[in-house]
């Protein structure tokens, strides 16, 4: 069953499992591009299915800066103003405010977890701010029940969530099938 089928059936959590180096990020880009061109967003998905009044807002989140940076490069088909790299330095330059004026936001869990308890950076976004959350290397902790990263995924629960991994189930880590 495909990602588009799962989304059409309003399945909110979708797992994309492919071997390392086979194009998961490219597939994520294609999905994001199609949603962008169709002006799909949560309001359109929950309503009558017609294109929304705005383009979707997508969060690409991972556990390492190198993967967030690579995602940004792989999404270069979007206009540069549609992309935002969310880093602690960028947030601090904006008086500790997260960016909101893009279509696709790239970051790591640790950046969004910064801030005082209960006032972490991710909480500056409304829970329904993002229409799609793409979780790269989702097996590394985001799907783990006791993970601190999990609270970010639960906070953005209204969004569709696309987990991507080459190793979906590990004895020493989370059972990604259970979450997705």
N, C-alpha and C. Protein backbone atom coordinates (compact mmCIF):
# COMPACT_ATOMS: atom_id res chain seq x y z
N UNK A 1 0.83 -1.17 0.00
CA UNK A 1 0.00 0.00 0.00
C UNK A 1 0.88 1.24 0.00
N UNK A 2 0.51 2.23 -0.77
CA UNK A 2 1.34 3.40 -0.94
C UNK A 2 1.06 4.51 0.06
N UNK A 3 1.97 5.45 0.12
CA UNK A 3 1.84 6.60 1.00
C UNK A 3 0.60 7.41 0.64
N UNK A 4 0.37 7.61 -0.65
CA UNK A 4 -0.80 8.39 -1.08
C UNK A 4 -2.09 7.70 -0.67
N UNK A 5 -2.14 6.37 -0.79
CA UNK A 5 -3.33 5.63 -0.37
C UNK A 5 -3.59 5.80 1.11
N UNK A 6 -2.54 5.69 1.91
CA UNK A 6 -2.68 5.83 3.36
C UNK A 6 -3.18 7.23 3.70
N UNK A 7 -2.63 8.24 3.06
CA UNK A 7 -3.08 9.62 3.30
C UNK A 7 -4.51 9.84 2.88
N UNK A 8 -4.89 9.27 1.73
CA UNK A 8 -6.26 9.42 1.24
C UNK A 8 -7.25 8.77 2.20
N UNK A 9 -6.81 7.72 2.88
CA UNK A 9 -7.67 7.05 3.86
C UNK A 9 -7.57 7.70 5.23
N UNK A 10 -6.92 8.86 5.30
CA UNK A 10 -6.77 9.64 6.52
C UNK A 10 -6.03 8.88 7.62
N UNK A 11 -5.12 8.02 7.20
CA UNK A 11 -4.23 7.37 8.15
C UNK A 11 -3.17 8.41 8.51
N UNK A 12 -3.12 8.84 9.74
CA UNK A 12 -2.28 9.96 10.16
C UNK A 12 -0.81 9.60 10.31
N UNK A 13 -0.50 8.35 10.59
CA UNK A 13 0.88 7.92 10.75
C UNK A 13 1.23 6.91 9.67
N UNK A 14 2.26 7.25 8.92
CA UNK A 14 2.64 6.43 7.77
C UNK A 14 4.13 6.11 7.89
N UNK A 15 4.49 4.87 7.64
CA UNK A 15 5.88 4.45 7.72
C UNK A 15 6.39 4.10 6.33
N UNK A 16 7.47 4.75 5.93
CA UNK A 16 8.13 4.48 4.66
C UNK A 16 9.43 3.74 4.96
N UNK A 17 9.50 2.49 4.54
CA UNK A 17 10.66 1.66 4.83
C UNK A 17 11.33 1.28 3.52
N UNK A 18 12.56 1.74 3.35
CA UNK A 18 13.37 1.40 2.18
C UNK A 18 14.81 1.24 2.64
N UNK A 19 15.58 0.48 1.91
CA UNK A 19 16.99 0.28 2.24
C UNK A 19 17.76 1.59 2.18
N UNK A 20 18.84 1.64 2.90
CA UNK A 20 19.72 2.81 2.90
C UNK A 20 20.15 3.14 1.47
N UNK A 21 20.06 4.42 1.13
CA UNK A 21 20.52 4.88 -0.18
C UNK A 21 19.56 4.67 -1.32
N UNK A 22 18.31 4.29 -1.03
CA UNK A 22 17.36 4.01 -2.11
C UNK A 22 16.39 5.15 -2.38
N UNK A 23 16.56 6.29 -1.70
CA UNK A 23 15.78 7.46 -2.07
C UNK A 23 14.62 7.85 -1.18
N UNK A 24 14.67 7.56 0.10
CA UNK A 24 13.59 7.96 0.98
C UNK A 24 13.39 9.47 0.99
N UNK A 25 14.48 10.22 1.07
CA UNK A 25 14.36 11.68 1.10
C UNK A 25 13.84 12.20 -0.24
N UNK A 26 14.23 11.58 -1.34
CA UNK A 26 13.71 11.98 -2.65
C UNK A 26 12.20 11.72 -2.72
N UNK A 27 11.76 10.60 -2.18
CA UNK A 27 10.33 10.30 -2.16
C UNK A 27 9.60 11.33 -1.29
N UNK A 28 10.20 11.67 -0.13
CA UNK A 28 9.60 12.68 0.74
C UNK A 28 9.48 14.02 0.00
N UNK A 29 10.53 14.38 -0.76
CA UNK A 29 10.47 15.61 -1.56
C UNK A 29 9.31 15.53 -2.55
N UNK A 30 9.17 14.41 -3.25
CA UNK A 30 8.10 14.27 -4.24
C UNK A 30 6.73 14.40 -3.59
N UNK A 31 6.56 13.82 -2.42
CA UNK A 31 5.29 13.93 -1.70
C UNK A 31 5.05 15.39 -1.33
N UNK A 32 6.06 16.04 -0.76
CA UNK A 32 5.92 17.44 -0.36
C UNK A 32 5.61 18.33 -1.57
N UNK A 33 6.29 18.08 -2.67
CA UNK A 33 6.08 18.87 -3.89
C UNK A 33 4.65 18.72 -4.40
N UNK A 34 4.16 17.49 -4.42
CA UNK A 34 2.79 17.26 -4.90
C UNK A 34 1.77 17.93 -3.97
N UNK A 35 1.99 17.84 -2.66
CA UNK A 35 1.09 18.50 -1.71
C UNK A 35 1.14 20.01 -1.89
N UNK A 36 2.34 20.54 -2.11
CA UNK A 36 2.54 21.97 -2.32
C UNK A 36 1.78 22.42 -3.57
N UNK A 37 1.95 21.71 -4.67
CA UNK A 37 1.30 22.09 -5.93
C UNK A 37 -0.21 21.96 -5.84
N UNK A 38 -0.69 21.00 -5.06
CA UNK A 38 -2.13 20.80 -4.91
C UNK A 38 -2.74 21.71 -3.84
N UNK A 39 -1.87 22.45 -3.14
CA UNK A 39 -2.30 23.30 -2.02
C UNK A 39 -3.04 22.49 -0.97
N UNK A 40 -2.56 21.26 -0.75
CA UNK A 40 -3.14 20.39 0.26
C UNK A 40 -2.69 20.86 1.64
N UNK A 41 -3.60 20.88 2.55
CA UNK A 41 -3.27 21.16 3.94
C UNK A 41 -4.30 20.46 4.82
N UNK A 42 -4.14 20.52 6.13
CA UNK A 42 -5.06 19.82 7.03
C UNK A 42 -6.49 20.26 6.83
N UNK A 43 -6.70 21.54 6.63
CA UNK A 43 -8.06 22.05 6.44
C UNK A 43 -8.69 21.42 5.20
N UNK A 44 -7.94 21.34 4.12
CA UNK A 44 -8.47 20.71 2.89
C UNK A 44 -8.67 19.22 3.10
N UNK A 45 -7.76 18.57 3.82
CA UNK A 45 -7.86 17.12 4.05
C UNK A 45 -9.08 16.78 4.90
N UNK A 46 -9.40 17.62 5.85
CA UNK A 46 -10.53 17.35 6.75
C UNK A 46 -11.84 17.86 6.20
N UNK A 47 -11.78 18.77 5.23
CA UNK A 47 -12.99 19.35 4.66
C UNK A 47 -13.48 18.53 3.48
N UNK A 48 -13.78 19.22 2.42
CA UNK A 48 -14.34 18.57 1.24
C UNK A 48 -13.28 18.05 0.27
N UNK A 49 -12.01 18.20 0.64
CA UNK A 49 -10.94 17.69 -0.20
C UNK A 49 -10.47 18.63 -1.29
N UNK A 50 -11.13 19.78 -1.45
CA UNK A 50 -10.69 20.74 -2.43
C UNK A 50 -9.40 21.43 -1.98
N UNK A 51 -8.65 21.95 -2.91
CA UNK A 51 -7.40 22.63 -2.53
C UNK A 51 -7.64 23.69 -1.47
N UNK A 52 -6.68 23.81 -0.57
CA UNK A 52 -6.79 24.77 0.51
C UNK A 52 -6.44 26.18 0.08
N UNK A 53 -6.67 27.10 0.98
CA UNK A 53 -6.38 28.50 0.71
C UNK A 53 -4.88 28.79 0.83
N UNK A 54 -4.14 27.87 1.43
CA UNK A 54 -2.70 28.08 1.58
C UNK A 54 -1.95 26.80 1.25
N UNK A 55 -0.68 26.97 1.00
CA UNK A 55 0.17 25.81 0.76
C UNK A 55 0.42 25.10 2.09
N UNK A 56 0.79 23.83 2.04
CA UNK A 56 1.04 23.11 3.29
C UNK A 56 2.30 23.60 3.98
N UNK A 57 2.32 23.40 5.28
CA UNK A 57 3.53 23.65 6.07
C UNK A 57 4.05 22.29 6.52
N UNK A 58 5.32 22.06 6.24
CA UNK A 58 5.91 20.74 6.45
C UNK A 58 7.13 20.87 7.36
N UNK A 59 7.20 20.00 8.35
CA UNK A 59 8.35 19.94 9.24
C UNK A 59 9.14 18.69 8.89
N UNK A 60 10.41 18.86 8.56
CA UNK A 60 11.33 17.75 8.31
C UNK A 60 12.25 17.70 9.52
N UNK A 61 12.10 16.64 10.30
CA UNK A 61 12.83 16.56 11.56
C UNK A 61 13.64 15.27 11.61
N UNK A 62 14.82 15.38 12.19
CA UNK A 62 15.70 14.23 12.29
C UNK A 62 16.57 14.37 13.54
N UNK A 63 17.49 13.46 13.71
CA UNK A 63 18.30 13.47 14.92
C UNK A 63 19.71 14.02 14.73
N UNK A 64 20.09 14.32 13.49
CA UNK A 64 21.45 14.81 13.24
C UNK A 64 21.42 15.96 12.25
N UNK A 65 22.28 16.95 12.51
CA UNK A 65 22.36 18.12 11.63
C UNK A 65 22.70 17.74 10.20
N UNK A 66 23.58 16.78 10.02
CA UNK A 66 23.97 16.40 8.66
C UNK A 66 22.77 15.92 7.86
N UNK A 67 21.82 15.23 8.51
CA UNK A 67 20.62 14.76 7.81
C UNK A 67 19.65 15.91 7.54
N UNK A 68 19.54 16.85 8.47
CA UNK A 68 18.68 18.02 8.23
C UNK A 68 19.25 18.85 7.09
N UNK A 69 20.56 19.03 7.08
CA UNK A 69 21.20 19.78 6.00
C UNK A 69 21.04 19.08 4.66
N UNK A 70 21.18 17.76 4.66
CA UNK A 70 21.01 16.99 3.43
C UNK A 70 19.57 17.10 2.93
N UNK A 71 18.61 17.04 3.85
CA UNK A 71 17.21 17.22 3.47
C UNK A 71 16.97 18.56 2.81
N UNK A 72 17.57 19.60 3.36
CA UNK A 72 17.45 20.94 2.79
C UNK A 72 17.98 20.97 1.36
N UNK A 73 19.10 20.33 1.13
CA UNK A 73 19.68 20.25 -0.22
C UNK A 73 18.75 19.46 -1.14
N UNK A 74 18.25 18.34 -0.65
CA UNK A 74 17.40 17.48 -1.48
C UNK A 74 16.06 18.13 -1.83
N UNK A 75 15.64 19.12 -1.05
CA UNK A 75 14.39 19.82 -1.32
C UNK A 75 14.63 21.11 -2.10
N UNK A 76 15.77 21.23 -2.74
CA UNK A 76 16.13 22.47 -3.43
C UNK A 76 15.25 22.76 -4.65
N UNK A 77 14.36 21.86 -5.01
CA UNK A 77 13.40 22.15 -6.07
C UNK A 77 12.40 23.23 -5.67
N UNK A 78 12.24 23.42 -4.35
CA UNK A 78 11.40 24.50 -3.85
C UNK A 78 12.17 25.82 -3.97
N UNK A 79 11.44 26.92 -4.11
CA UNK A 79 12.06 28.24 -4.07
C UNK A 79 12.79 28.38 -2.73
N UNK A 80 13.93 29.05 -2.74
CA UNK A 80 14.73 29.17 -1.52
C UNK A 80 13.96 29.85 -0.39
N UNK A 81 13.00 30.70 -0.70
CA UNK A 81 12.22 31.38 0.33
C UNK A 81 11.16 30.47 0.95
N UNK A 82 10.92 29.34 0.33
CA UNK A 82 9.96 28.38 0.87
C UNK A 82 10.61 27.45 1.89
N UNK A 83 11.93 27.50 2.00
CA UNK A 83 12.67 26.59 2.88
C UNK A 83 13.25 27.35 4.06
N UNK A 84 13.23 26.73 5.24
CA UNK A 84 13.84 27.33 6.43
C UNK A 84 14.62 26.27 7.18
N UNK A 85 15.85 26.59 7.50
CA UNK A 85 16.68 25.72 8.34
C UNK A 85 16.59 26.27 9.76
N UNK A 86 15.98 25.52 10.65
CA UNK A 86 15.74 25.96 12.02
C UNK A 86 16.90 25.49 12.88
N UNK A 87 17.72 26.42 13.32
CA UNK A 87 18.87 26.13 14.17
C UNK A 87 18.81 27.02 15.40
N UNK A 88 19.50 26.65 16.47
CA UNK A 88 19.53 27.53 17.65
C UNK A 88 20.03 28.93 17.30
N UNK A 89 21.05 29.01 16.48
CA UNK A 89 21.62 30.31 16.10
C UNK A 89 20.57 31.16 15.36
N UNK A 90 19.85 30.53 14.43
CA UNK A 90 18.82 31.26 13.68
C UNK A 90 17.70 31.73 14.61
N UNK A 91 17.32 30.91 15.56
CA UNK A 91 16.26 31.28 16.51
C UNK A 91 16.74 32.43 17.40
N UNK A 92 17.95 32.34 17.89
CA UNK A 92 18.47 33.40 18.76
C UNK A 92 18.61 34.73 18.01
N UNK A 93 18.94 34.67 16.71
CA UNK A 93 19.01 35.89 15.90
C UNK A 93 17.65 36.55 15.77
N UNK A 94 16.61 35.77 15.93
CA UNK A 94 15.24 36.28 15.81
C UNK A 94 14.64 36.55 17.20
N UNK A 95 15.47 36.90 18.17
CA UNK A 95 15.01 37.16 19.54
C UNK A 95 14.29 35.95 20.14
N UNK A 96 14.87 34.78 19.91
CA UNK A 96 14.35 33.51 20.42
C UNK A 96 12.96 33.15 19.90
N UNK A 97 12.67 33.59 18.69
CA UNK A 97 11.41 33.25 18.02
C UNK A 97 11.71 32.30 16.87
N UNK A 98 10.89 31.26 16.74
CA UNK A 98 11.08 30.30 15.66
C UNK A 98 10.58 30.90 14.35
N UNK A 99 11.15 30.49 13.23
CA UNK A 99 10.66 31.00 11.94
C UNK A 99 9.29 30.41 11.61
N UNK A 100 8.46 31.21 10.98
CA UNK A 100 7.12 30.75 10.59
C UNK A 100 6.79 31.07 9.14
N UNK A 101 7.70 31.72 8.44
CA UNK A 101 7.38 32.22 7.10
C UNK A 101 7.99 31.36 5.99
N UNK A 102 7.82 30.07 6.06
CA UNK A 102 8.32 29.17 5.03
C UNK A 102 7.28 28.09 4.78
N UNK A 103 7.61 27.19 3.88
CA UNK A 103 6.74 26.05 3.61
C UNK A 103 7.32 24.78 4.22
N UNK A 104 8.63 24.58 4.08
CA UNK A 104 9.28 23.39 4.61
C UNK A 104 10.35 23.83 5.60
N UNK A 105 10.27 23.31 6.80
CA UNK A 105 11.17 23.66 7.89
C UNK A 105 12.03 22.44 8.22
N UNK A 106 13.33 22.60 8.28
CA UNK A 106 14.27 21.51 8.54
C UNK A 106 14.95 21.74 9.88
N UNK A 107 14.94 20.74 10.74
CA UNK A 107 15.58 20.89 12.04
C UNK A 107 15.88 19.53 12.65
N UNK A 108 16.48 19.59 13.83
CA UNK A 108 16.72 18.38 14.60
C UNK A 108 15.92 18.47 15.90
N UNK A 109 15.66 17.31 16.51
CA UNK A 109 14.89 17.26 17.74
C UNK A 109 15.49 18.17 18.82
N UNK A 110 16.81 18.10 18.97
CA UNK A 110 17.47 18.83 20.04
C UNK A 110 17.23 20.34 19.95
N UNK A 111 17.16 20.87 18.74
CA UNK A 111 16.89 22.30 18.59
C UNK A 111 15.50 22.63 19.11
N UNK A 112 14.51 21.85 18.73
CA UNK A 112 13.14 22.15 19.15
C UNK A 112 12.93 21.93 20.64
N UNK A 113 13.76 21.09 21.25
CA UNK A 113 13.64 20.80 22.69
C UNK A 113 14.28 21.89 23.54
N UNK A 114 15.03 22.79 22.94
CA UNK A 114 15.68 23.85 23.73
C UNK A 114 14.65 24.85 24.23
N UNK A 115 15.01 25.51 25.30
CA UNK A 115 14.13 26.47 25.93
C UNK A 115 13.79 25.99 27.33
N UNK A 116 13.16 26.84 28.08
CA UNK A 116 12.78 26.48 29.45
C UNK A 116 11.71 25.38 29.41
N UNK A 117 11.70 24.50 30.43
CA UNK A 117 10.66 23.47 30.48
C UNK A 117 9.26 24.08 30.38
N UNK A 118 8.47 23.53 29.49
CA UNK A 118 7.13 24.05 29.24
C UNK A 118 7.11 25.20 28.24
N UNK A 119 8.30 25.69 27.88
CA UNK A 119 8.41 26.78 26.90
C UNK A 119 9.44 26.44 25.83
N UNK A 120 9.58 25.17 25.55
CA UNK A 120 10.54 24.73 24.54
C UNK A 120 10.18 25.37 23.20
N UNK A 121 11.18 25.45 22.33
CA UNK A 121 10.98 26.14 21.05
C UNK A 121 9.82 25.56 20.24
N UNK A 122 9.64 24.24 20.26
CA UNK A 122 8.56 23.68 19.44
C UNK A 122 7.19 24.19 19.87
N UNK A 123 7.05 24.59 21.12
CA UNK A 123 5.76 25.06 21.63
C UNK A 123 5.41 26.46 21.10
N UNK A 124 6.36 27.12 20.42
CA UNK A 124 6.03 28.40 19.79
C UNK A 124 5.15 28.21 18.57
N UNK A 125 5.16 27.00 18.02
CA UNK A 125 4.26 26.67 16.92
C UNK A 125 2.96 26.13 17.52
N UNK A 126 1.83 26.46 16.94
CA UNK A 126 0.57 25.86 17.37
C UNK A 126 0.62 24.37 17.04
N UNK A 127 -0.07 23.52 17.80
CA UNK A 127 -0.04 22.09 17.51
C UNK A 127 -0.46 21.75 16.07
N UNK A 128 -1.33 22.57 15.48
CA UNK A 128 -1.79 22.30 14.11
C UNK A 128 -1.08 23.19 13.09
N UNK A 129 0.06 23.77 13.44
CA UNK A 129 0.80 24.63 12.51
C UNK A 129 1.27 23.84 11.30
N UNK A 130 1.78 22.63 11.52
CA UNK A 130 2.29 21.80 10.43
C UNK A 130 1.21 20.85 9.93
N UNK A 131 1.15 20.69 8.63
CA UNK A 131 0.21 19.77 8.01
C UNK A 131 0.82 18.38 7.87
N UNK A 132 2.13 18.34 7.69
CA UNK A 132 2.86 17.09 7.53
C UNK A 132 4.17 17.20 8.30
N UNK A 133 4.48 16.16 9.08
CA UNK A 133 5.76 16.06 9.75
C UNK A 133 6.48 14.86 9.17
N UNK A 134 7.64 15.08 8.60
CA UNK A 134 8.47 14.01 8.05
C UNK A 134 9.56 13.72 9.07
N UNK A 135 9.63 12.49 9.53
CA UNK A 135 10.59 12.10 10.54
C UNK A 135 11.62 11.19 9.89
N UNK A 136 12.80 11.75 9.61
CA UNK A 136 13.87 10.98 8.99
C UNK A 136 14.57 10.15 10.07
N UNK A 137 14.94 8.93 9.74
CA UNK A 137 15.57 8.02 10.70
C UNK A 137 14.68 7.87 11.94
N UNK A 138 13.40 7.63 11.70
CA UNK A 138 12.41 7.61 12.78
C UNK A 138 12.66 6.50 13.81
N UNK A 139 13.44 5.51 13.45
CA UNK A 139 13.72 4.42 14.40
C UNK A 139 14.68 4.86 15.50
N UNK A 140 15.34 5.98 15.37
CA UNK A 140 16.38 6.40 16.31
C UNK A 140 15.86 6.97 17.61
N UNK A 141 14.60 6.97 17.85
CA UNK A 141 14.12 7.41 19.14
C UNK A 141 12.79 8.12 19.13
N UNK A 142 12.40 8.69 18.03
CA UNK A 142 11.15 9.43 18.01
C UNK A 142 9.93 8.58 18.24
N UNK A 143 9.99 7.31 17.90
CA UNK A 143 8.85 6.43 18.08
C UNK A 143 8.89 5.70 19.42
N UNK A 144 9.93 5.88 20.16
CA UNK A 144 10.11 5.21 21.44
C UNK A 144 9.22 5.88 22.49
N UNK A 145 8.40 5.10 23.21
CA UNK A 145 7.45 5.65 24.17
C UNK A 145 8.09 6.58 25.18
N UNK A 146 9.22 6.21 25.73
CA UNK A 146 9.84 7.00 26.78
C UNK A 146 10.77 8.09 26.24
N UNK A 147 10.86 8.24 24.96
CA UNK A 147 11.75 9.22 24.36
C UNK A 147 11.27 10.64 24.63
N UNK A 148 12.20 11.52 24.93
CA UNK A 148 11.83 12.93 25.06
C UNK A 148 11.41 13.50 23.71
N UNK A 149 11.92 12.92 22.63
CA UNK A 149 11.54 13.37 21.30
C UNK A 149 10.08 13.09 21.01
N UNK A 150 9.56 12.04 21.62
CA UNK A 150 8.19 11.63 21.38
C UNK A 150 7.21 12.76 21.69
N UNK A 151 7.53 13.58 22.70
CA UNK A 151 6.60 14.65 23.04
C UNK A 151 6.43 15.64 21.89
N UNK A 152 7.45 15.79 21.05
CA UNK A 152 7.32 16.67 19.88
C UNK A 152 6.32 16.06 18.91
N UNK A 153 6.44 14.78 18.65
CA UNK A 153 5.51 14.12 17.73
C UNK A 153 4.09 14.15 18.27
N UNK A 154 3.93 13.93 19.56
CA UNK A 154 2.60 13.98 20.16
C UNK A 154 2.03 15.40 20.14
N UNK A 155 2.88 16.39 20.33
CA UNK A 155 2.44 17.79 20.29
C UNK A 155 1.88 18.13 18.91
N UNK A 156 2.54 17.67 17.88
CA UNK A 156 2.10 17.93 16.51
C UNK A 156 1.17 16.82 15.99
N UNK A 157 0.45 16.21 16.88
CA UNK A 157 -0.47 15.10 16.56
C UNK A 157 -1.48 15.43 15.47
N UNK A 158 -1.99 16.67 15.36
CA UNK A 158 -2.94 16.93 14.27
C UNK A 158 -2.35 16.68 12.88
N UNK A 159 -1.04 16.84 12.73
CA UNK A 159 -0.39 16.69 11.42
C UNK A 159 -0.32 15.23 11.01
N UNK A 160 -0.30 15.02 9.72
CA UNK A 160 0.04 13.70 9.21
C UNK A 160 1.53 13.50 9.48
N UNK A 161 1.93 12.30 9.84
CA UNK A 161 3.32 12.04 10.17
C UNK A 161 3.85 10.91 9.31
N UNK A 162 4.94 11.22 8.59
CA UNK A 162 5.58 10.25 7.71
C UNK A 162 6.93 9.89 8.29
N UNK A 163 7.04 8.68 8.82
CA UNK A 163 8.30 8.19 9.35
C UNK A 163 9.08 7.50 8.24
N UNK A 164 10.38 7.77 8.19
CA UNK A 164 11.23 7.15 7.17
C UNK A 164 12.38 6.43 7.87
N UNK A 165 12.63 5.19 7.45
CA UNK A 165 13.71 4.42 8.04
C UNK A 165 14.11 3.27 7.13
N UNK A 166 15.33 2.81 7.33
CA UNK A 166 15.80 1.59 6.66
C UNK A 166 15.74 0.42 7.64
N UNK A 167 15.61 0.72 8.92
CA UNK A 167 15.61 -0.32 9.96
C UNK A 167 14.42 -0.08 10.88
N UNK A 168 13.23 -0.52 10.50
CA UNK A 168 12.02 -0.15 11.22
C UNK A 168 11.85 -0.79 12.60
N UNK A 169 12.50 -1.88 12.89
CA UNK A 169 12.29 -2.51 14.18
C UNK A 169 13.62 -3.00 14.70
N UNK A 170 13.95 -2.59 15.90
CA UNK A 170 15.22 -2.98 16.49
C UNK A 170 14.99 -3.39 17.93
N UNK A 171 15.70 -4.41 18.36
CA UNK A 171 15.56 -4.87 19.75
C UNK A 171 16.06 -3.84 20.74
N UNK A 172 17.07 -3.05 20.37
CA UNK A 172 17.66 -2.09 21.30
C UNK A 172 17.03 -0.71 21.18
N UNK A 173 16.02 -0.57 20.37
CA UNK A 173 15.43 0.74 20.17
C UNK A 173 13.91 0.61 20.11
N UNK A 174 13.27 1.56 19.52
CA UNK A 174 11.82 1.61 19.47
C UNK A 174 11.24 0.62 18.48
N UNK A 175 10.03 0.21 18.74
CA UNK A 175 9.27 -0.58 17.77
C UNK A 175 8.52 0.43 16.90
N UNK A 176 9.10 0.76 15.78
CA UNK A 176 8.51 1.80 14.93
C UNK A 176 7.17 1.36 14.34
N UNK A 177 6.97 0.06 14.20
CA UNK A 177 5.68 -0.40 13.68
C UNK A 177 4.56 -0.05 14.66
N UNK A 178 4.85 -0.11 15.95
CA UNK A 178 3.81 0.17 16.94
C UNK A 178 3.39 1.64 16.86
N UNK A 179 4.33 2.56 16.66
CA UNK A 179 3.98 3.98 16.59
C UNK A 179 3.32 4.32 15.26
N UNK A 180 3.91 3.86 14.17
CA UNK A 180 3.38 4.21 12.86
C UNK A 180 2.35 3.21 12.38
